[in-house]
Protein backbone atom coordinates (compact mmCIF):
# COMPACT_ATOMS: atom_id res chain seq x y z
CA MET A 1 -44.13 -165.07 -71.51
CA SER A 2 -40.98 -164.55 -69.51
CA ALA A 3 -41.06 -164.73 -65.74
CA ARG A 4 -40.07 -161.09 -65.47
CA ARG A 5 -42.94 -159.75 -67.52
CA GLU A 6 -45.40 -162.18 -65.94
CA GLU A 7 -44.45 -160.83 -62.53
CA CYS A 8 -44.38 -157.27 -63.78
CA MET A 9 -47.84 -157.40 -65.30
CA GLY A 10 -49.44 -160.00 -63.09
CA TYR A 11 -49.46 -159.35 -59.37
CA GLY A 12 -51.31 -156.17 -58.58
CA LEU A 13 -48.09 -154.56 -59.66
CA PHE A 14 -49.27 -151.04 -59.79
CA GLY A 15 -51.22 -151.01 -56.57
CA ARG A 16 -54.54 -149.43 -55.90
CA CYS A 17 -55.72 -147.10 -58.66
CA SER A 18 -58.72 -144.99 -57.80
CA PRO A 19 -59.99 -142.50 -60.37
CA THR A 20 -60.01 -138.79 -59.79
CA ALA A 21 -61.72 -136.10 -61.81
CA GLY A 22 -59.50 -134.10 -64.09
CA SER A 23 -59.38 -131.69 -67.01
CA ASP A 24 -58.10 -132.54 -70.46
CA GLU A 25 -54.77 -130.74 -70.29
CA PRO A 26 -52.63 -129.39 -67.47
CA GLY A 27 -51.65 -125.76 -67.28
CA GLY A 28 -48.17 -124.38 -66.74
CA THR A 29 -45.40 -122.84 -68.77
CA ALA A 30 -42.36 -124.52 -70.26
CA ALA A 31 -38.84 -123.23 -69.63
CA GLU A 32 -37.84 -120.83 -72.42
CA ILE A 33 -35.38 -122.06 -75.04
CA THR A 34 -32.41 -119.73 -75.47
CA LEU A 35 -29.58 -119.96 -77.99
CA SER A 36 -25.97 -118.79 -77.96
CA GLY A 37 -25.86 -118.74 -81.77
CA SER A 38 -27.80 -119.71 -84.87
CA VAL A 39 -28.71 -123.34 -85.59
CA GLY A 40 -29.21 -124.96 -88.99
CA ARG A 41 -28.07 -124.05 -92.48
CA GLN A 42 -24.86 -121.96 -92.34
CA GLY A 43 -25.41 -121.42 -88.62
CA LYS A 44 -22.91 -121.40 -85.77
CA ASN A 45 -24.31 -124.79 -84.67
CA LEU A 46 -22.94 -125.07 -81.16
CA ARG A 47 -23.69 -128.56 -79.95
CA SER A 48 -25.77 -127.44 -76.95
CA ASP A 49 -27.84 -125.14 -79.20
CA VAL A 50 -28.42 -127.82 -81.82
CA LYS A 51 -29.51 -130.22 -79.08
CA SER A 52 -32.02 -127.68 -77.75
CA ILE A 53 -33.54 -127.13 -81.18
CA GLN A 54 -33.72 -130.86 -81.96
CA GLN A 55 -35.46 -131.44 -78.65
CA ALA A 56 -37.82 -128.49 -79.14
CA LEU A 57 -38.84 -129.67 -82.61
CA ASN A 58 -39.57 -133.17 -81.27
CA ARG A 59 -41.89 -131.68 -78.66
CA VAL A 60 -44.13 -129.48 -80.77
CA PRO A 61 -47.66 -130.83 -81.36
CA LEU A 62 -48.17 -133.31 -84.16
CA ASN A 63 -50.20 -130.86 -86.22
CA ALA A 64 -47.76 -127.99 -85.71
CA GLY A 65 -44.67 -129.11 -87.60
CA ARG A 66 -43.20 -131.95 -85.53
CA PRO A 67 -40.61 -133.93 -87.56
CA ASN A 68 -41.61 -137.42 -88.65
CA PRO A 69 -39.64 -139.47 -87.89
CA LEU A 70 -38.47 -137.71 -84.76
CA LEU A 71 -34.95 -136.29 -84.72
CA VAL A 72 -32.17 -138.00 -82.81
CA VAL A 73 -31.12 -135.50 -80.14
CA ASP A 74 -27.36 -135.70 -80.57
CA GLY A 75 -26.39 -132.04 -80.91
CA LEU A 76 -25.07 -132.56 -84.45
CA ASN A 77 -26.51 -130.42 -87.21
CA GLY A 78 -27.11 -132.27 -90.47
CA PRO A 79 -29.57 -132.62 -93.35
CA LYS A 80 -32.32 -134.12 -91.19
CA THR A 81 -32.15 -131.33 -88.63
CA GLU A 82 -32.06 -128.64 -91.33
CA ARG A 83 -34.99 -130.23 -93.14
CA ALA A 84 -36.98 -130.40 -89.89
CA ILE A 85 -36.31 -126.69 -89.28
CA TYR A 86 -37.28 -125.85 -92.86
CA LEU A 87 -40.54 -127.81 -92.70
CA PHE A 88 -41.41 -126.24 -89.34
CA GLN A 89 -40.83 -122.76 -90.76
CA LYS A 90 -42.75 -123.57 -93.93
CA HIS A 91 -45.68 -124.81 -91.83
CA HIS A 92 -45.89 -121.59 -89.82
CA PHE A 93 -44.48 -118.85 -92.04
CA GLY A 94 -44.70 -120.16 -95.60
CA ALA A 95 -41.98 -121.39 -97.96
CA ALA A 96 -40.81 -117.86 -98.82
CA ARG A 97 -39.76 -117.28 -95.20
CA ALA A 98 -38.24 -120.72 -94.57
CA ASP A 99 -34.43 -120.72 -94.55
CA ALA A 100 -33.71 -123.87 -92.45
CA ARG A 101 -32.01 -121.80 -89.74
CA VAL A 102 -33.03 -120.75 -86.24
CA ASP A 103 -31.58 -117.42 -85.09
CA PRO A 104 -31.62 -116.13 -81.51
CA GLY A 105 -34.43 -113.65 -80.94
CA HIS A 106 -36.13 -114.28 -84.30
CA ARG A 107 -39.53 -115.62 -85.26
CA THR A 108 -38.63 -119.33 -85.39
CA ILE A 109 -37.30 -119.53 -81.84
CA ALA A 110 -40.30 -117.50 -80.66
CA LYS A 111 -42.71 -119.92 -82.32
CA LEU A 112 -40.86 -122.94 -80.92
CA ASN A 113 -41.08 -121.48 -77.42
CA GLU A 114 -44.77 -120.83 -77.92
CA LEU A 115 -45.40 -124.46 -78.85
CA GLN A 116 -43.38 -126.19 -76.13
CA PRO A 117 -45.39 -128.40 -73.75
CA SER A 118 -46.13 -127.27 -70.24
CA ALA A 119 -44.83 -128.77 -66.97
CA GLY A 120 -41.43 -127.16 -66.88
CA MET A 121 -39.25 -129.45 -69.00
CA SER A 122 -35.80 -127.92 -69.43
CA ALA A 123 -34.43 -127.16 -72.90
CA GLY A 124 -31.44 -129.42 -72.33
CA GLY A 125 -33.33 -132.56 -71.29
CA SER A 126 -34.11 -135.59 -73.32
CA GLY A 127 -36.19 -135.65 -76.45
CA GLY A 128 -36.29 -138.48 -78.94
CA GLY A 129 -33.25 -140.31 -77.66
CA GLY A 130 -30.91 -137.61 -76.37
CA GLY A 131 -29.41 -136.98 -72.95
CA ALA A 132 -31.86 -136.86 -70.08
CA SER A 133 -32.56 -134.82 -67.00
CA VAL A 134 -33.03 -136.54 -63.65
CA PRO A 135 -36.64 -136.58 -62.42
CA GLY A 136 -37.67 -134.28 -59.58
CA THR A 137 -35.98 -134.42 -56.20
CA SER A 138 -36.98 -137.52 -54.33
CA LEU A 139 -38.54 -137.52 -50.88
CA PHE A 140 -36.72 -140.78 -50.22
CA VAL A 141 -33.17 -140.43 -48.88
CA PRO A 142 -30.98 -143.46 -49.69
CA THR A 143 -29.03 -144.81 -46.74
CA SER A 144 -27.17 -147.67 -48.42
CA GLU A 145 -25.35 -148.37 -51.66
CA SER A 146 -28.16 -150.72 -52.73
CA ASP A 147 -30.73 -147.95 -52.22
CA LYS A 148 -28.60 -145.57 -54.27
CA ASP A 149 -28.32 -148.14 -57.03
CA VAL A 150 -32.10 -148.64 -57.12
CA MET A 151 -32.73 -144.90 -57.30
CA THR A 152 -30.19 -144.49 -60.10
CA ARG A 153 -31.89 -147.23 -62.10
CA ILE A 154 -35.36 -145.81 -61.36
CA ASN A 155 -34.27 -142.44 -62.74
CA SER A 156 -32.83 -144.18 -65.78
CA SER A 157 -36.05 -146.15 -66.29
CA VAL A 158 -38.10 -142.94 -66.34
CA ASN A 159 -35.92 -141.56 -69.11
CA ARG A 160 -36.16 -144.88 -70.98
CA ALA A 161 -39.94 -144.88 -70.57
CA GLU A 162 -40.09 -141.58 -72.40
CA ARG A 163 -37.99 -143.02 -75.22
CA TRP A 164 -40.18 -146.14 -75.40
CA ALA A 165 -43.21 -143.83 -75.63
CA LEU A 166 -41.62 -141.98 -78.53
CA LYS A 167 -41.05 -145.28 -80.35
CA ALA A 168 -44.73 -146.10 -79.79
CA VAL A 169 -45.71 -142.72 -81.25
CA ILE A 170 -43.64 -143.39 -84.37
CA GLU A 171 -45.46 -146.69 -84.97
CA LEU A 172 -48.81 -145.02 -84.32
CA LEU A 173 -47.97 -142.36 -86.90
CA ASN A 174 -46.95 -145.10 -89.32
CA ALA A 175 -50.30 -146.81 -88.75
CA ILE A 176 -52.03 -143.58 -89.76
CA LEU A 177 -49.88 -143.46 -92.89
CA TYR A 178 -51.05 -146.99 -93.73
CA LEU A 179 -54.67 -145.89 -93.40
CA GLU A 180 -53.87 -142.96 -95.68
CA GLY A 181 -52.59 -145.28 -98.40
CA LYS A 182 -48.94 -146.05 -97.52
CA LYS A 183 -49.27 -149.83 -97.72
CA GLY A 184 -45.64 -150.39 -96.74
CA GLN A 185 -46.62 -149.38 -93.19
CA LYS A 186 -48.92 -152.36 -92.70
CA PRO A 187 -46.66 -153.96 -90.03
CA SER A 188 -47.10 -150.86 -87.85
CA TYR A 189 -50.85 -150.96 -88.43
CA ASP A 190 -50.97 -154.64 -87.44
CA LEU A 191 -48.91 -153.89 -84.33
CA VAL A 192 -51.32 -151.18 -83.19
CA ASP A 193 -54.26 -153.47 -83.90
CA ARG A 194 -52.67 -156.25 -81.82
CA CYS A 195 -52.61 -153.98 -78.79
CA PHE A 196 -55.77 -151.91 -79.37
CA LYS A 197 -58.05 -153.85 -81.78
CA ILE A 198 -58.52 -150.85 -84.06
CA LYS A 199 -59.65 -153.09 -86.95
CA SER A 200 -62.88 -153.58 -85.04
CA LEU A 201 -63.79 -149.96 -85.77
CA PRO A 202 -65.94 -149.76 -88.91
CA THR A 203 -64.33 -146.80 -90.70
CA GLU A 204 -60.80 -145.58 -91.35
CA LYS A 205 -61.78 -142.19 -89.95
CA GLN A 206 -62.72 -143.77 -86.62
CA GLN A 207 -59.48 -145.76 -86.56
CA ILE A 208 -57.39 -142.62 -87.15
CA HIS A 209 -59.33 -140.82 -84.43
CA ALA A 210 -58.57 -143.64 -81.97
CA ILE A 211 -54.88 -143.67 -82.91
CA ASN A 212 -54.67 -139.91 -82.33
CA LYS A 213 -56.05 -140.45 -78.82
CA MET A 214 -53.22 -142.92 -78.12
CA ILE A 215 -50.65 -140.49 -79.50
CA LYS A 216 -52.02 -137.81 -77.21
CA ILE A 217 -51.44 -140.05 -74.18
CA PHE A 218 -47.85 -140.92 -75.11
CA ASN A 219 -47.06 -137.29 -75.94
CA ARG A 220 -47.83 -136.32 -72.35
CA TYR A 221 -45.08 -138.56 -70.98
CA SER A 222 -42.34 -135.97 -71.45
CA ARG A 223 -44.35 -133.49 -69.39
CA ALA A 224 -45.08 -135.96 -66.60
CA ARG A 225 -41.69 -137.67 -66.24
CA ARG A 226 -40.55 -135.45 -63.36
CA ALA A 227 -43.42 -136.77 -61.28
CA VAL A 228 -41.76 -140.07 -60.34
CA LYS A 229 -40.94 -140.23 -56.63
CA PRO A 230 -39.28 -143.17 -54.87
CA PHE A 231 -41.15 -143.80 -51.62
CA VAL A 232 -41.59 -146.14 -48.70
CA ARG A 233 -45.18 -146.90 -47.79
CA SER A 234 -46.55 -146.29 -44.32
CA GLY A 235 -45.06 -148.75 -41.85
CA GLY A 236 -42.55 -149.89 -44.44
CA SER A 237 -45.13 -152.07 -46.20
CA CYS A 238 -45.21 -152.16 -50.00
CA ARG A 239 -48.13 -154.54 -50.44
CA ASN A 240 -51.71 -153.98 -51.50
CA GLU A 241 -54.85 -155.09 -49.71
CA LYS A 242 -54.57 -158.57 -51.28
CA GLY A 243 -51.02 -159.00 -50.02
CA HIS A 244 -49.41 -158.68 -53.45
CA ALA A 245 -46.19 -156.72 -53.83
CA ILE A 246 -46.50 -153.14 -55.06
CA PHE A 247 -43.63 -151.90 -57.20
CA ALA A 248 -45.17 -148.59 -58.26
CA GLU A 249 -48.52 -146.85 -58.21
CA ALA A 250 -50.28 -143.78 -59.57
CA ILE A 251 -53.71 -142.17 -59.38
CA PRO A 252 -55.36 -142.28 -62.82
CA GLY A 253 -55.71 -138.78 -64.18
CA GLY A 254 -53.65 -137.39 -61.32
CA PHE A 255 -51.45 -135.38 -63.67
CA HIS A 256 -54.41 -133.08 -64.32
CA SER A 257 -55.23 -132.62 -60.63
CA ALA A 258 -54.64 -129.39 -58.73
CA VAL A 259 -53.40 -131.48 -55.80
CA GLU A 260 -49.63 -131.86 -56.11
CA ASP A 261 -49.44 -135.26 -54.42
CA ARG A 262 -51.77 -136.75 -57.04
CA LYS A 263 -49.39 -135.80 -59.84
CA ARG A 264 -46.88 -138.51 -59.00
CA VAL A 265 -45.88 -142.01 -59.86
CA LYS A 266 -44.65 -143.47 -56.58
CA VAL A 267 -42.10 -146.26 -56.55
CA CYS A 268 -41.44 -148.71 -53.74
CA VAL A 269 -37.66 -148.80 -53.48
CA LYS A 270 -37.35 -152.02 -51.51
CA ASN A 271 -39.52 -154.04 -53.92
CA MET A 272 -37.59 -152.71 -56.91
CA LYS A 273 -34.30 -154.08 -55.60
CA GLY A 274 -33.06 -156.83 -57.89
CA LYS A 275 -35.33 -155.83 -60.78
CA ASP A 276 -33.69 -155.21 -64.14
CA ILE A 277 -33.99 -151.99 -66.12
CA ASN A 278 -36.57 -153.38 -68.57
CA PHE A 279 -38.82 -154.39 -65.69
CA MET A 280 -38.55 -150.88 -64.22
CA THR A 281 -39.11 -149.19 -67.58
CA ASP A 282 -42.17 -151.32 -68.28
CA ALA A 283 -43.53 -150.30 -64.89
CA MET A 284 -42.92 -146.62 -65.63
CA VAL A 285 -44.66 -146.80 -69.03
CA HIS A 286 -47.65 -148.49 -67.38
CA GLU A 287 -47.87 -146.05 -64.51
CA LEU A 288 -47.42 -142.95 -66.63
CA ALA A 289 -50.37 -144.14 -68.74
CA HIS A 290 -52.48 -144.12 -65.58
CA LEU A 291 -51.15 -140.73 -64.55
CA VAL A 292 -51.53 -138.77 -67.78
CA GLY A 293 -54.91 -140.15 -68.91
CA PRO A 294 -57.79 -139.75 -69.62
CA ALA A 295 -57.88 -141.30 -73.06
CA SER A 296 -60.98 -139.32 -73.91
CA GLY A 297 -62.78 -136.60 -72.01
CA THR A 298 -62.77 -137.60 -68.34
CA GLU A 299 -62.53 -141.36 -68.90
CA MET A 300 -59.55 -142.55 -66.86
CA ILE A 301 -56.99 -145.14 -67.93
CA MET A 302 -57.46 -148.02 -65.53
CA HIS A 303 -56.63 -151.74 -65.98
CA GLY A 304 -58.75 -152.71 -68.96
CA GLY A 305 -62.29 -152.85 -67.67
CA ARG A 306 -64.03 -151.07 -64.83
CA LYS A 307 -64.54 -154.29 -62.89
CA GLU A 308 -61.44 -156.40 -63.43
CA ALA A 309 -57.74 -155.75 -64.01
CA ALA A 310 -56.15 -157.08 -67.19
CA TYR A 311 -52.45 -157.92 -66.93
CA GLY A 312 -50.07 -159.89 -69.11
CA LEU A 313 -51.39 -161.51 -72.29
CA LYS A 314 -54.91 -161.05 -70.98
CA ALA A 315 -54.54 -157.37 -71.85
CA LEU A 316 -54.17 -158.31 -75.53
CA GLN A 317 -57.55 -160.06 -75.40
CA LEU A 318 -59.48 -156.92 -74.49
CA THR A 319 -61.94 -155.24 -76.82
CA HIS A 320 -60.96 -151.95 -78.43
CA ARG A 321 -62.95 -149.91 -75.92
CA GLU A 322 -61.44 -151.79 -72.98
CA ALA A 323 -57.92 -151.51 -74.37
CA MET A 324 -58.22 -147.73 -74.76
CA ILE A 325 -58.54 -147.38 -70.99
CA SER A 326 -56.05 -150.09 -70.07
CA ALA A 327 -52.61 -149.02 -68.85
CA SER A 328 -51.38 -152.54 -69.64
CA ASN A 329 -52.14 -152.04 -73.34
CA TYR A 330 -50.17 -148.81 -73.55
CA ALA A 331 -47.30 -150.61 -71.86
CA TRP A 332 -47.58 -153.50 -74.33
CA LEU A 333 -47.43 -151.20 -77.35
CA ALA A 334 -44.35 -149.40 -76.03
CA TRP A 335 -42.73 -152.72 -75.03
CA LEU A 336 -43.19 -154.12 -78.53
CA ALA A 337 -42.41 -150.92 -80.47
CA ARG A 338 -38.87 -150.86 -79.08
CA LEU A 339 -38.18 -154.34 -80.55
CA PRO A 340 -37.16 -155.27 -84.11
CA GLN A 341 -40.16 -155.44 -86.42
CA ALA A 342 -39.67 -159.19 -86.95
CA GLU A 343 -40.52 -159.77 -83.27
CA TRP A 344 -43.66 -157.67 -83.05
CA LEU A 345 -46.29 -160.33 -83.65
CA THR A 346 -44.46 -163.20 -81.97
CA ASN A 347 -43.02 -161.58 -78.84
CA THR A 348 -44.92 -162.29 -75.64
CA GLY A 349 -42.66 -160.40 -73.25
């Protein structure tokens, strides 16, 4: 294991995490998607409109017509975008009403708006690899160039964390395909098992159910990404009660809380100085897992077990049940999913 990941996952990195009660899904309404012209087959296909539709399709629920694999949000209409529109329309309106085009004010744009996630994500933000919006306004005011640099990289790491989460979702979906008979997806299945020990579950149905829980967690990242707030702890200290450095922290399940301050990943700016972007992104993936849990019902995502934290390679030694509530394991899956397939089973960070 590299020194960076050892430090990242090993020293009380994410501070004190105390559970808080929460509901299964947050409320709220997404910003409405509007178009200047039609998108898709024989459409006007303005780049900003195409980008909005690509992003919107990537964000619909898995069982409601989301493209698989996810679209690249590049604003360029092509066969993949048109096919994604067609399949979405076919899913909701039937093949006879599917024309692979989204027109302003018509049924397809209305259905897309209906299915967008809550938490106020803008139509022009990131989705599956496109351009990204900056997280919410920080309470921390930078006073030096080094502070400004840290905040810029923190914002970038939040956007990257969302993209890492999307890569994890793709491999989770591939693992389901393997269980449904697509044997060519076995590497993805083995990857998910490495991080979450799903082979220990006795039936394929139970394994698919567990994988869908993981997908649900990662799908919430795009709704929670504006919660990251750079901060300086009281008295300027960014250390926990054991004296270990805190780089970021979140309250498990806080995203579902009615208390606004609980809905945040907080980042210690001074401890993040000198850290590279992968370190920061890994931290954001880990913390967002805490924030957007629970994995099931009201069970919060902690650090592996209820008694002891599990960082680094220790996280990969957890049982399935322990891994499902371990933020470290979600971070591991996202960390590995972004790498070439040949490195999945040999990479140790």
